[in-house]
Amino acid sequence: MRGFLLDHVTVTRGDAHLLTEITADIPAGQCTAVVGASGAGKTTLLRLLNRLDDPSAGQVLLDDVPLPELDVLALRRRVGLVAQRPVLLTDDVATDLRVGRPELSDEAVDQLLKHVGLPAGFAQRRTSELSGGEAQRVCLARALAVEPEVLLLDEPTSALDGVTSAVIIDAARDHLAADGTVVLVSHDLAIVRGIAHTVLVLDHGHLTAEGRPDEIDYLEAG
């Protein structure tokens, strides 16, 4: 697998340029971190990768295939997103994990929950009763349930307790160890330095730096 290529990608909303002429590789089998100040365009870039947004100009390719040529539901099974704010889709945890895989066995549900640090019996919990950290872990387990090639993590540790943050980063490392790809948006520069192979720095929608973490001056700020 080659991974993603952003080829002269621009995203506009009215008069606002959210991304401008972005050209970058996101290699398969590695962690690419996207960093920059709030409003730099990080989440917009992430959403392009599973077609929650589309470019206004330019194109995004996965393994050399333009994304519009791929079935969008199949793409979203290959490229799973864990958003910054957890959104639970059903009334109970087990059903939520089965949104993308209705055939998932009870044992598989329990294994996924164990993988994200949730205890036995958690599958029967009502989603409306979960804390923010618990809900974020369930969203991560739901994304992992479809066995995606690529895991998109949008500020996964923002405003979370330390235990939940550690669980999410460990899951990202496990995904990489299994030859998966991770694209991480984060303000936590220590986490970026610890897990990323490549870093993209955005500033007001422009790509201003790209390279290994030890080559990126932006990471020295934190």
Protein backbone atom coordinates (compact mmCIF):
# COMPACT_ATOMS: atom_id res chain seq x y z
CA MET A 1 0.00 0.00 0.00
CA ARG A 2 1.20 3.47 -0.82
CA GLY A 3 -1.01 5.52 1.49
CA PHE A 4 -2.58 8.91 0.84
CA LEU A 5 -1.46 11.64 -1.49
CA LEU A 6 -2.89 15.15 -1.23
CA ASP A 7 -2.30 16.73 -4.62
CA HIS A 8 -2.62 20.54 -4.66
CA VAL A 9 -5.65 20.38 -2.36
CA THR A 10 -7.62 23.54 -1.64
CA VAL A 11 -10.77 23.76 0.50
CA THR A 12 -12.86 26.92 0.52
CA ARG A 13 -16.05 27.80 2.37
CA GLY A 14 -17.49 31.01 0.95
CA ASP A 15 -14.65 33.52 1.06
CA ALA A 16 -12.64 31.52 3.59
CA HIS A 17 -9.71 29.36 2.50
CA LEU A 18 -9.53 26.48 4.98
CA LEU A 19 -6.71 24.76 3.09
CA THR A 20 -4.62 26.22 0.27
CA GLU A 21 -2.62 24.23 -2.29
CA ILE A 22 -1.68 21.38 0.07
CA THR A 23 0.57 18.72 -1.47
CA ALA A 24 1.74 16.01 0.93
CA ASP A 25 2.25 12.27 1.28
CA ILE A 26 0.77 10.31 4.17
CA PRO A 27 2.61 6.98 3.97
CA ALA A 28 0.95 3.65 4.74
CA GLY A 29 2.10 1.80 7.83
CA GLN A 30 3.25 4.93 9.66
CA CYS A 31 1.89 7.60 11.99
CA THR A 32 1.55 11.02 10.42
CA ALA A 33 0.79 13.82 12.86
CA VAL A 34 -0.91 17.04 11.77
CA VAL A 35 -0.13 19.98 14.04
CA GLY A 36 -0.71 23.72 14.15
CA ALA A 37 -2.64 26.38 15.99
CA SER A 38 -6.42 26.26 16.36
CA GLY A 39 -8.06 27.14 13.04
CA ALA A 40 -5.03 26.04 11.00
CA GLY A 41 -7.07 23.50 9.00
CA LYS A 42 -6.07 20.29 10.77
CA THR A 43 -9.55 18.80 11.19
CA THR A 44 -10.49 19.83 7.64
CA LEU A 45 -7.49 17.90 6.31
CA LEU A 46 -8.41 14.85 8.39
CA ARG A 47 -12.01 14.89 7.14
CA LEU A 48 -10.82 14.83 3.53
CA LEU A 49 -9.26 11.42 4.07
CA ASN A 50 -12.59 9.59 4.42
CA ARG A 51 -14.66 12.05 2.38
CA LEU A 52 -16.53 13.74 5.18
CA ASP A 53 -15.30 16.78 3.24
CA ASP A 54 -14.23 17.04 -0.41
CA PRO A 55 -11.62 19.40 -1.88
CA SER A 56 -12.73 22.51 -3.72
CA ALA A 57 -9.70 22.01 -5.96
CA GLY A 58 -7.01 19.36 -6.28
CA GLN A 59 -7.50 15.74 -5.31
CA VAL A 60 -6.88 13.18 -2.60
CA LEU A 61 -5.72 9.69 -3.59
CA LEU A 62 -5.49 6.46 -1.59
CA ASP A 63 -3.08 3.89 -2.99
CA ASP A 64 -2.96 5.98 -6.20
CA VAL A 65 -6.77 5.90 -6.64
CA PRO A 66 -8.70 9.21 -6.42
CA LEU A 67 -11.14 8.96 -3.49
CA PRO A 68 -14.25 9.77 -5.59
CA GLU A 69 -13.58 6.58 -7.57
CA LEU A 70 -13.97 4.50 -4.40
CA ASP A 71 -17.31 3.51 -2.86
CA VAL A 72 -17.70 5.92 0.04
CA LEU A 73 -19.01 3.31 2.50
CA ALA A 74 -16.18 0.94 1.62
CA LEU A 75 -13.74 3.83 2.04
CA ARG A 76 -15.06 4.59 5.52
CA ARG A 77 -14.60 0.96 6.52
CA ARG A 78 -10.98 1.21 5.39
CA VAL A 79 -10.46 4.63 6.97
CA GLY A 80 -12.01 4.95 10.44
CA LEU A 81 -12.38 8.28 12.23
CA VAL A 82 -12.43 8.87 15.98
CA ALA A 83 -13.65 12.45 16.36
CA GLN A 84 -12.66 14.88 19.10
CA ARG A 85 -16.17 14.87 20.55
CA PRO A 86 -17.56 11.36 20.94
CA VAL A 87 -20.85 10.70 19.15
CA LEU A 88 -22.66 7.53 20.18
CA LEU A 89 -25.23 6.32 17.68
CA THR A 90 -27.40 3.83 19.57
CA ASP A 91 -28.88 3.22 23.00
CA ASP A 92 -26.42 0.64 24.36
CA VAL A 93 -22.70 -0.06 24.02
CA ALA A 94 -22.89 -3.46 22.31
CA THR A 95 -25.25 -2.16 19.62
CA ASP A 96 -22.99 0.84 19.07
CA LEU A 97 -20.00 -1.41 18.40
CA ARG A 98 -22.09 -3.34 15.87
CA VAL A 99 -23.01 -0.27 13.78
CA GLY A 100 -20.40 -1.16 11.16
CA ARG A 101 -20.38 -4.93 11.79
CA PRO A 102 -23.84 -6.23 12.76
CA GLU A 103 -22.53 -9.80 12.86
CA LEU A 104 -20.02 -9.05 15.63
CA SER A 105 -20.22 -11.76 18.31
CA ASP A 106 -20.65 -11.04 22.01
CA GLU A 107 -17.12 -12.36 22.57
CA ALA A 108 -15.71 -10.00 19.93
CA VAL A 109 -17.58 -7.08 21.52
CA ASP A 110 -16.08 -7.93 24.91
CA GLN A 111 -12.58 -8.24 23.41
CA LEU A 112 -12.85 -4.84 21.76
CA LEU A 113 -14.00 -3.26 25.00
CA LYS A 114 -11.15 -4.95 26.88
CA HIS A 115 -8.73 -3.59 24.28
CA VAL A 116 -9.81 -0.04 25.09
CA GLY A 117 -9.67 -0.64 28.84
CA LEU A 118 -13.36 -1.13 29.61
CA PRO A 119 -14.41 -3.93 31.99
CA ALA A 120 -16.42 -7.09 31.52
CA GLY A 121 -20.14 -6.39 31.37
CA PHE A 122 -19.66 -2.93 29.91
CA ALA A 123 -21.38 -4.01 26.68
CA GLN A 124 -24.77 -3.78 28.40
CA ARG A 125 -24.29 -0.18 29.57
CA ARG A 126 -26.63 2.52 28.28
CA THR A 127 -24.74 5.00 26.11
CA SER A 128 -26.60 7.89 27.73
CA GLU A 129 -24.99 7.03 31.08
CA LEU A 130 -21.34 7.11 29.96
CA SER A 131 -18.76 9.65 31.01
CA GLY A 132 -16.85 11.57 28.35
CA GLY A 133 -13.83 9.31 28.68
CA GLU A 134 -15.95 6.14 28.51
CA ALA A 135 -17.80 7.44 25.46
CA GLN A 136 -14.50 8.23 23.71
CA ARG A 137 -13.26 4.69 24.37
CA VAL A 138 -16.49 3.22 22.98
CA CYS A 139 -16.07 5.34 19.84
CA LEU A 140 -12.53 4.03 19.48
CA ALA A 141 -13.73 0.42 19.92
CA ARG A 142 -16.48 1.04 17.32
CA ALA A 143 -13.88 2.33 14.85
CA LEU A 144 -11.62 -0.67 15.49
CA ALA A 145 -14.53 -3.11 15.10
CA VAL A 146 -14.47 -2.81 11.30
CA GLU A 147 -10.71 -3.48 11.25
CA PRO A 148 -9.77 -0.32 9.35
CA GLU A 149 -6.49 0.01 7.47
CA VAL A 150 -6.24 3.66 8.55
CA LEU A 151 -7.16 5.16 11.93
CA LEU A 152 -7.87 8.90 11.95
CA LEU A 153 -7.60 10.42 15.44
CA ASP A 154 -8.79 14.01 15.86
CA GLU A 155 -7.47 15.45 19.14
CA PRO A 156 -8.06 12.05 20.79
CA THR A 157 -6.66 13.09 24.17
CA SER A 158 -8.15 16.57 24.36
CA ALA A 159 -9.94 17.17 27.68
CA LEU A 160 -9.67 13.49 28.64
CA ASP A 161 -8.32 11.95 31.82
CA GLY A 162 -4.81 10.53 31.73
CA VAL A 163 -5.93 6.90 31.77
CA THR A 164 -8.20 7.33 28.73
CA SER A 165 -5.51 9.29 26.89
CA ALA A 166 -3.01 6.48 27.51
CA VAL A 167 -5.50 3.85 26.29
CA ILE A 168 -6.05 5.72 23.03
CA ILE A 169 -2.34 6.20 22.37
CA ASP A 170 -1.65 2.53 23.18
CA ALA A 171 -4.38 1.53 20.71
CA ALA A 172 -2.74 3.72 18.07
CA ARG A 173 0.62 2.03 18.73
CA ASP A 174 -1.04 -1.41 18.48
CA HIS A 175 -2.58 -0.41 15.15
CA LEU A 176 0.83 0.64 13.84
CA ALA A 177 2.41 -2.59 15.10
CA ALA A 178 -0.18 -4.51 13.05
CA ASP A 179 0.95 -2.61 9.90
CA GLY A 180 -1.93 -0.15 10.07
CA THR A 181 -1.73 3.58 9.37
CA VAL A 182 -2.50 6.35 11.87
CA VAL A 183 -3.17 10.01 11.11
CA LEU A 184 -3.16 12.00 14.33
CA VAL A 185 -4.31 15.58 14.88
CA SER A 186 -3.06 16.76 18.25
CA HIS A 187 -2.04 19.81 20.25
CA ASP A 188 -0.12 17.51 22.62
CA LEU A 189 3.38 17.88 21.21
CA ALA A 190 4.85 15.32 23.63
CA ILE A 191 2.52 12.66 22.23
CA VAL A 192 3.38 13.74 18.67
CA ARG A 193 7.11 13.45 19.39
CA GLY A 194 6.57 10.03 20.96
CA ILE A 195 4.48 8.36 18.23
CA ALA A 196 4.76 10.18 14.89
CA HIS A 197 7.02 9.12 12.05
CA THR A 198 6.15 12.20 9.99
CA VAL A 199 4.75 15.60 10.96
CA LEU A 200 2.79 18.07 8.84
CA VAL A 201 2.61 21.64 10.17
CA LEU A 202 -0.34 23.78 9.08
CA ASP A 203 -0.63 27.55 9.50
CA HIS A 204 -3.80 29.31 8.34
CA GLY A 205 -4.49 26.55 5.82
CA HIS A 206 -0.95 26.43 4.40
CA LEU A 207 1.52 23.56 4.79
CA THR A 208 4.56 25.28 6.29
CA ALA A 209 6.73 22.31 7.30
CA GLU A 210 6.91 18.55 6.71
CA GLY A 211 9.38 15.99 8.00
CA ARG A 212 10.45 13.75 10.86
CA PRO A 213 9.66 15.00 14.37
CA ASP A 214 13.32 15.85 15.02
CA GLU A 215 13.31 18.07 11.92
CA ILE A 216 10.28 20.15 12.91
CA ASP A 217 10.97 23.37 14.80
CA TYR A 218 7.27 23.68 15.74
CA LEU A 219 7.62 20.69 18.06
CA GLU A 220 10.30 22.45 20.08
CA ALA A 221 7.67 24.86 21.40
CA GLY A 222 6.08 22.31 23.71
